[in-house]
PDB file of N, CA and C in Angstrom:
ATOM      1  N   MET A   1     -35.716 175.585 -35.595  1.00  0.00           N
ATOM      2  CA  MET A   1     -34.550 175.313 -35.304  1.00  0.00           C
ATOM      3  C   MET A   1     -34.138 175.944 -33.499  1.00  0.00           C
ATOM      4  N   GLY A   2     -34.426 174.951 -32.933  1.00  0.00           N
ATOM      5  CA  GLY A   2     -34.504 174.646 -31.551  1.00  0.00           C
ATOM      6  C   GLY A   2     -32.520 175.521 -30.726  1.00  0.00           C
ATOM      7  N   GLU A   3     -33.028 175.794 -29.872  1.00  0.00           N
ATOM      8  CA  GLU A   3     -31.665 176.844 -29.157  1.00  0.00           C
ATOM      9  C   GLU A   3     -30.533 175.919 -29.278  1.00  0.00           C
ATOM     10  N   SER A   4     -30.409 174.317 -28.654  1.00  0.00           N
ATOM     11  CA  SER A   4     -29.731 173.562 -28.977  1.00  0.00           C
ATOM     12  C   SER A   4     -28.883 173.017 -29.870  1.00  0.00           C
ATOM     13  N   LYS A   5     -29.615 173.189 -31.074  1.00  0.00           N
ATOM     14  CA  LYS A   5     -29.348 172.900 -32.700  1.00  0.00           C
ATOM     15  C   LYS A   5     -28.659 173.921 -32.973  1.00  0.00           C
ATOM     16  N   ARG A   6     -28.862 175.189 -32.423  1.00  0.00           N
ATOM     17  CA  ARG A   6     -27.914 176.272 -32.811  1.00  0.00           C
ATOM     18  C   ARG A   6     -27.055 176.284 -32.207  1.00  0.00           C
ATOM     19  N   ARG A   7     -26.718 175.955 -31.133  1.00  0.00           N
ATOM     20  CA  ARG A   7     -25.617 175.762 -30.562  1.00  0.00           C
ATOM     21  C   ARG A   7     -24.349 174.526 -31.123  1.00  0.00           C
ATOM     22  N   LYS A   8     -25.009 173.257 -31.321  1.00  0.00           N
ATOM     23  CA  LYS A   8     -24.508 172.786 -31.740  1.00  0.00           C
ATOM     24  C   LYS A   8     -24.055 173.316 -33.478  1.00  0.00           C
ATOM     25  N   ALA A   9     -24.471 173.827 -34.027  1.00  0.00           N
ATOM     26  CA  ALA A   9     -24.067 173.899 -35.421  1.00  0.00           C
ATOM     27  C   ALA A   9     -23.106 175.048 -35.010  1.00  0.00           C
ATOM     28  N   ALA A  10     -23.312 176.016 -34.357  1.00  0.00           N
ATOM     29  CA  ALA A  10     -22.304 176.887 -34.248  1.00  0.00           C
ATOM     30  C   ALA A  10     -20.995 176.310 -33.791  1.00  0.00           C
ATOM     31  N   LEU A  11     -21.136 175.739 -32.546  1.00  0.00           N
ATOM     32  CA  LEU A  11     -19.596 175.022 -31.891  1.00  0.00           C
ATOM     33  C   LEU A  11     -19.031 173.723 -32.835  1.00  0.00           C
ATOM     34  N   GLY A  12     -19.775 172.960 -33.251  1.00  0.00           N
ATOM     35  CA  GLY A  12     -19.262 172.293 -34.111  1.00  0.00           C
ATOM     36  C   GLY A  12     -18.880 171.045 -33.377  1.00  0.00           C
ATOM     37  N   ASP A  13     -17.000 170.256 -33.422  1.00  0.00           N
ATOM     38  CA  ASP A  13     -16.645 169.360 -32.837  1.00  0.00           C
ATOM     39  C   ASP A  13     -16.631 169.650 -31.378  1.00  0.00           C
ATOM     40  N   GLN A  14     -16.863 170.789 -30.943  1.00  0.00           N
ATOM     41  CA  GLN A  14     -16.206 170.997 -29.506  1.00  0.00           C
ATOM     42  C   GLN A  14     -17.890 170.604 -28.610  1.00  0.00           C
ATOM     43  N   TYR A  15     -19.128 170.675 -29.126  1.00  0.00           N
ATOM     44  CA  TYR A  15     -20.428 170.523 -28.552  1.00  0.00           C
ATOM     45  C   TYR A  15     -20.719 169.331 -27.727  1.00  0.00           C
ATOM     46  N   GLY A  16     -21.026 169.977 -26.412  1.00  0.00           N
ATOM     47  CA  GLY A  16     -20.888 168.573 -25.678  1.00  0.00           C
ATOM     48  C   GLY A  16     -19.696 168.510 -24.471  1.00  0.00           C
ATOM     49  N   LYS A  17     -18.450 169.140 -24.747  1.00  0.00           N
ATOM     50  CA  LYS A  17     -17.048 168.853 -24.027  1.00  0.00           C
ATOM     51  C   LYS A  17     -16.905 169.943 -23.443  1.00  0.00           C
ATOM     52  N   ASP A  18     -16.504 169.455 -22.252  1.00  0.00           N
ATOM     53  CA  ASP A  18     -16.417 170.689 -21.286  1.00  0.00           C
ATOM     54  C   ASP A  18     -15.870 171.435 -21.458  1.00  0.00           C
ATOM     55  N   GLU A  19     -15.602 172.687 -20.709  1.00  0.00           N
ATOM     56  CA  GLU A  19     -15.183 174.162 -21.129  1.00  0.00           C
ATOM     57  C   GLU A  19     -14.197 173.992 -20.263  1.00  0.00           C
ATOM     58  N   ARG A  20     -12.795 174.897 -20.845  1.00  0.00           N
ATOM     59  CA  ARG A  20     -11.906 174.738 -19.919  1.00  0.00           C
ATOM     60  C   ARG A  20     -11.664 176.249 -19.121  1.00  0.00           C
ATOM     61  N   VAL A  21     -10.974 176.042 -18.074  1.00  0.00           N
ATOM     62  CA  VAL A  21     -10.886 177.294 -17.480  1.00  0.00           C
ATOM     63  C   VAL A  21     -10.112 178.599 -17.978  1.00  0.00           C
ATOM     64  N   VAL A  22      -9.174 178.080 -18.542  1.00  0.00           N
ATOM     65  CA  VAL A  22      -8.270 179.024 -19.594  1.00  0.00           C
ATOM     66  C   VAL A  22      -7.804 178.161 -20.776  1.00  0.00           C
ATOM     67  N   ASP A  23      -7.544 178.777 -22.014  1.00  0.00           N
ATOM     68  CA  ASP A  23      -7.480 177.995 -22.675  1.00  0.00           C
ATOM     69  C   ASP A  23      -6.431 177.339 -22.890  1.00  0.00           C
ATOM     70  N   TRP A  24      -4.849 177.788 -22.518  1.00  0.00           N
ATOM     71  CA  TRP A  24      -3.963 177.557 -22.722  1.00  0.00           C
ATOM     72  C   TRP A  24      -3.557 176.327 -21.403  1.00  0.00           C
ATOM     73  N   LEU A  25      -4.236 176.017 -20.623  1.00  0.00           N
ATOM     74  CA  LEU A  25      -4.169 175.314 -19.858  1.00  0.00           C
ATOM     75  C   LEU A  25      -5.433 173.863 -19.555  1.00  0.00           C
ATOM     76  N   PRO A  26      -4.861 172.597 -19.661  1.00  0.00           N
ATOM     77  CA  PRO A  26      -5.804 171.940 -19.841  1.00  0.00           C
ATOM     78  C   PRO A  26      -6.651 171.204 -18.483  1.00  0.00           C
ATOM     79  N   LEU A  27      -7.501 172.236 -17.950  1.00  0.00           N
ATOM     80  CA  LEU A  27      -8.349 172.119 -16.946  1.00  0.00           C
ATOM     81  C   LEU A  27      -9.440 172.158 -17.557  1.00  0.00           C
ATOM     82  N   THR A  28     -10.327 171.184 -17.171  1.00  0.00           N
ATOM     83  CA  THR A  28     -11.905 171.523 -17.221  1.00  0.00           C
ATOM     84  C   THR A  28     -12.329 172.148 -16.307  1.00  0.00           C
ATOM     85  N   GLN A  29     -13.646 172.603 -16.306  1.00  0.00           N
ATOM     86  CA  GLN A  29     -14.477 173.459 -15.205  1.00  0.00           C
ATOM     87  C   GLN A  29     -14.838 172.304 -14.260  1.00  0.00           C
ATOM     88  N   ARG A  30     -15.132 170.989 -14.631  1.00  0.00           N
ATOM     89  CA  ARG A  30     -15.355 170.082 -14.080  1.00  0.00           C
ATOM     90  C   ARG A  30     -14.174 169.517 -12.815  1.00  0.00           C
ATOM     91  N   GLN A  31     -13.008 169.465 -13.562  1.00  0.00           N
ATOM     92  CA  GLN A  31     -11.608 168.962 -12.770  1.00  0.00           C
ATOM     93  C   GLN A  31     -11.906 170.113 -11.582  1.00  0.00           C
ATOM     94  N   ALA A  32     -11.800 171.265 -12.353  1.00  0.00           N
ATOM     95  CA  ALA A  32     -11.152 172.754 -10.908  1.00  0.00           C
ATOM     96  C   ALA A  32     -12.576 172.929  -9.956  1.00  0.00           C
ATOM     97  N   LYS A  33     -13.702 171.979 -10.308  1.00  0.00           N
ATOM     98  CA  LYS A  33     -14.787 171.914  -9.490  1.00  0.00           C
ATOM     99  C   LYS A  33     -14.483 170.629  -8.216  1.00  0.00           C
ATOM    100  N   ASP A  34     -14.033 169.805  -8.890  1.00  0.00           N
ATOM    101  CA  ASP A  34     -13.372 168.597  -8.333  1.00  0.00           C
ATOM    102  C   ASP A  34     -12.275 168.926  -7.416  1.00  0.00           C
ATOM    103  N   PHE A  35     -11.094 169.316  -7.979  1.00  0.00           N
ATOM    104  CA  PHE A  35     -10.258 169.965  -7.224  1.00  0.00           C
ATOM    105  C   PHE A  35     -10.817 170.905  -5.884  1.00  0.00           C
ATOM    106  N   TYR A  36     -11.557 171.802  -6.052  1.00  0.00           N
ATOM    107  CA  TYR A  36     -11.950 172.619  -5.258  1.00  0.00           C
ATOM    108  C   TYR A  36     -13.033 171.274  -4.190  1.00  0.00           C
ATOM    109  N   THR A  37     -13.555 171.107  -4.439  1.00  0.00           N
ATOM    110  CA  THR A  37     -14.382 170.012  -3.509  1.00  0.00           C
ATOM    111  C   THR A  37     -13.267 169.322  -2.680  1.00  0.00           C
ATOM    112  N   TRP A  38     -12.584 168.389  -3.251  1.00  0.00           N
ATOM    113  CA  TRP A  38     -11.173 168.011  -2.425  1.00  0.00           C
ATOM    114  C   TRP A  38     -10.277 168.326  -1.422  1.00  0.00           C
ATOM    115  N   THR A  39     -10.022 169.864  -1.885  1.00  0.00           N
ATOM    116  CA  THR A  39      -8.987 170.648  -1.075  1.00  0.00           C
ATOM    117  C   THR A  39      -9.908 171.032   0.062  1.00  0.00           C
ATOM    118  N   THR A  40     -11.407 171.153   0.095  1.00  0.00           N
ATOM    119  CA  THR A  40     -12.102 171.859   1.166  1.00  0.00           C
ATOM    120  C   THR A  40     -12.353 171.103   1.871  1.00  0.00           C
ATOM    121  N   ARG A  41     -12.511 169.411   1.571  1.00  0.00           N
ATOM    122  CA  ARG A  41     -12.925 168.450   2.371  1.00  0.00           C
ATOM    123  C   ARG A  41     -11.471 168.051   3.063  1.00  0.00           C
ATOM    124  N   GLY A  42     -10.409 167.840   2.476  1.00  0.00           N
ATOM    125  CA  GLY A  42      -9.163 167.809   2.849  1.00  0.00           C
ATOM    126  C   GLY A  42      -8.954 169.066   4.220  1.00  0.00           C
ATOM    127  N   ALA A  43      -9.360 169.957   4.218  1.00  0.00           N
ATOM    128  CA  ALA A  43      -9.141 171.134   5.108  1.00  0.00           C
ATOM    129  C   ALA A  43      -9.470 170.952   6.097  1.00  0.00           C
ATOM    130  N   TRP A  44     -10.963 170.489   5.896  1.00  0.00           N
ATOM    131  CA  TRP A  44     -11.495 170.067   7.436  1.00  0.00           C
ATOM    132  C   TRP A  44     -11.034 168.873   8.421  1.00  0.00           C
ATOM    133  N   VAL A  45     -10.823 167.951   7.320  1.00  0.00           N
ATOM    134  CA  VAL A  45     -10.110 166.796   7.988  1.00  0.00           C
ATOM    135  C   VAL A  45      -8.564 167.285   8.813  1.00  0.00           C
ATOM    136  N   GLY A  46      -8.000 168.312   8.008  1.00  0.00           N
ATOM    137  CA  GLY A  46      -7.107 168.551   8.618  1.00  0.00           C
ATOM    138  C   GLY A  46      -7.427 169.519  10.118  1.00  0.00           C
ATOM    139  N   ILE A  47      -8.708 170.399  10.156  1.00  0.00           N
ATOM    140  CA  ILE A  47      -8.635 170.463  11.142  1.00  0.00           C
ATOM    141  C   ILE A  47      -9.523 169.860  12.177  1.00  0.00           C
ATOM    142  N   GLY A  48     -10.263 169.100  11.852  1.00  0.00           N
ATOM    143  CA  GLY A  48     -10.657 167.907  12.665  1.00  0.00           C
ATOM    144  C   GLY A  48      -9.619 166.914  13.574  1.00  0.00           C
ATOM    145  N   VAL A  49      -8.304 166.998  12.796  1.00  0.00           N
ATOM    146  CA  VAL A  49      -7.313 166.170  13.295  1.00  0.00           C
ATOM    147  C   VAL A  49      -6.403 167.149  14.508  1.00  0.00           C
ATOM    148  N   MET A  50      -6.187 168.303  13.701  1.00  0.00           N
ATOM    149  CA  MET A  50      -5.818 169.085  14.732  1.00  0.00           C
ATOM    150  C   MET A  50      -6.385 169.110  16.169  1.00  0.00           C
ATOM    151  N   ILE A  51      -7.619 169.771  16.270  1.00  0.00           N
ATOM    152  CA  ILE A  51      -8.584 169.480  17.162  1.00  0.00           C
ATOM    153  C   ILE A  51      -8.335 168.572  18.181  1.00  0.00           C
ATOM    154  N   GLY A  52      -8.307 167.544  17.438  1.00  0.00           N
ATOM    155  CA  GLY A  52      -8.447 165.969  18.036  1.00  0.00           C
ATOM    156  C   GLY A  52      -6.737 165.691  18.626  1.00  0.00           C
ATOM    157  N   LEU A  53      -6.078 166.328  18.201  1.00  0.00           N
ATOM    158  CA  LEU A  53      -4.565 166.296  18.542  1.00  0.00           C
ATOM    159  C   LEU A  53      -4.526 167.122  19.893  1.00  0.00           C
ATOM    160  N   TRP A  54      -4.738 168.154  19.744  1.00  0.00           N
ATOM    161  CA  TRP A  54      -4.999 169.642  20.744  1.00  0.00           C
ATOM    162  C   TRP A  54      -5.816 168.973  22.075  1.00  0.00           C
ATOM    163  N   VAL A  55      -7.061 168.478  21.832  1.00  0.00           N
ATOM    164  CA  VAL A  55      -7.644 167.904  22.810  1.00  0.00           C
ATOM    165  C   VAL A  55      -6.870 166.984  23.771  1.00  0.00           C
ATOM    166  N   THR A  56      -6.085 166.154  22.899  1.00  0.00           N
ATOM    167  CA  THR A  56      -5.433 164.972  23.474  1.00  0.00           C
ATOM    168  C   THR A  56      -3.814 165.016  24.233  1.00  0.00           C
ATOM    169  N   VAL A  57      -3.475 166.294  24.038  1.00  0.00           N
ATOM    170  CA  VAL A  57      -2.182 167.024  24.372  1.00  0.00           C
ATOM    171  C   VAL A  57      -2.655 167.530  25.811  1.00  0.00           C
ATOM    172  N   ARG A  58      -3.413 168.839  25.823  1.00  0.00           N
ATOM    173  CA  ARG A  58      -4.001 169.557  26.533  1.00  0.00           C
ATOM    174  C   ARG A  58      -4.735 168.831  27.660  1.00  0.00           C
ATOM    175  N   PHE A  59      -5.688 167.853  27.049  1.00  0.00           N
ATOM    176  CA  PHE A  59      -6.545 167.728  28.560  1.00  0.00           C
ATOM    177  C   PHE A  59      -6.488 166.080  28.683  1.00  0.00           C
ATOM    178  N   ILE A  60      -6.579 165.321  27.847  1.00  0.00           N
ATOM    179  CA  ILE A  60      -6.524 163.621  28.183  1.00  0.00           C
ATOM    180  C   ILE A  60      -4.938 163.326  28.728  1.00  0.00           C
ATOM    181  N   GLY A  61      -3.824 163.611  28.152  1.00  0.00           N
ATOM    182  CA  GLY A  61      -2.393 163.422  28.307  1.00  0.00           C
ATOM    183  C   GLY A  61      -2.074 163.636  30.010  1.00  0.00           C
ATOM    184  N   PRO A  62      -2.551 165.025  30.119  1.00  0.00           N
ATOM    185  CA  PRO A  62      -2.513 165.476  31.865  1.00  0.00           C
ATOM    186  C   PRO A  62      -3.157 164.652  32.714  1.00  0.00           C
ATOM    187  N   ALA A  63      -4.550 164.326  32.031  1.00  0.00           N
ATOM    188  CA  ALA A  63      -5.217 163.176  33.306  1.00  0.00           C
ATOM    189  C   ALA A  63      -4.545 162.265  33.222  1.00  0.00           C
ATOM    190  N   LEU A  64      -4.011 161.456  32.346  1.00  0.00           N
ATOM    191  CA  LEU A  64      -3.256 160.502  32.646  1.00  0.00           C
ATOM    192  C   LEU A  64      -1.829 160.411  33.218  1.00  0.00           C
ATOM    193  N   GLY A  65      -1.331 161.818  33.664  1.00  0.00           N
ATOM    194  CA  GLY A  65      -0.063 161.588  34.014  1.00  0.00           C
ATOM    195  C   GLY A  65       0.971 161.433  32.897  1.00  0.00           C
ATOM    196  N   TRP A  66       0.721 161.732  31.461  1.00  0.00           N
ATOM    197  CA  TRP A  66       1.843 161.768  31.110  1.00  0.00           C
ATOM    198  C   TRP A  66       2.494 162.745  30.605  1.00  0.00           C
ATOM    199  N   TRP A  67       1.940 164.001  30.825  1.00  0.00           N
ATOM    200  CA  TRP A  67       2.757 165.054  30.781  1.00  0.00           C
ATOM    201  C   TRP A  67       2.214 166.213  31.865  1.00  0.00           C
ATOM    202  N   THR A  68       2.810 166.885  32.162  1.00  0.00           N
ATOM    203  CA  THR A  68       1.923 168.036  32.992  1.00  0.00           C
ATOM    204  C   THR A  68       2.064 169.131  32.727  1.00  0.00           C
ATOM    205  N   VAL A  69       1.316 170.660  33.140  1.00  0.00           N
ATOM    206  CA  VAL A  69       1.203 171.452  32.822  1.00  0.00           C
ATOM    207  C   VAL A  69       1.913 172.327  33.969  1.00  0.00           C
ATOM    208  N   SER A  70       3.179 173.207  33.963  1.00  0.00           N
ATOM    209  CA  SER A  70       3.501 174.196  35.259  1.00  0.00           C
ATOM    210  C   SER A  70       2.714 175.006  35.298  1.00  0.00           C
TER     211      SER A  70
END
C-alpha cells in the first residue's frame, strides 16, 4: 500500500480537501494565501499612487505654476 492510499484511508471524507488555518474559522490555507497575495499587491499599488501624487504635487505642480513653495 502506498503512502497516498494510507493517507486516504486515514483521512476518509476529508481526503483531498484544503486544510483550514484554524479549526473554528472557515478559512482554508489556499484562501489565506490568496488574501495575502491580494493585500500585498494592493499595498504596492497604494505605494505607487502615493509616489505619483507626491511627484505631481512636489515637482509638476510648481513647474506649471499651480502651486508655489515658499
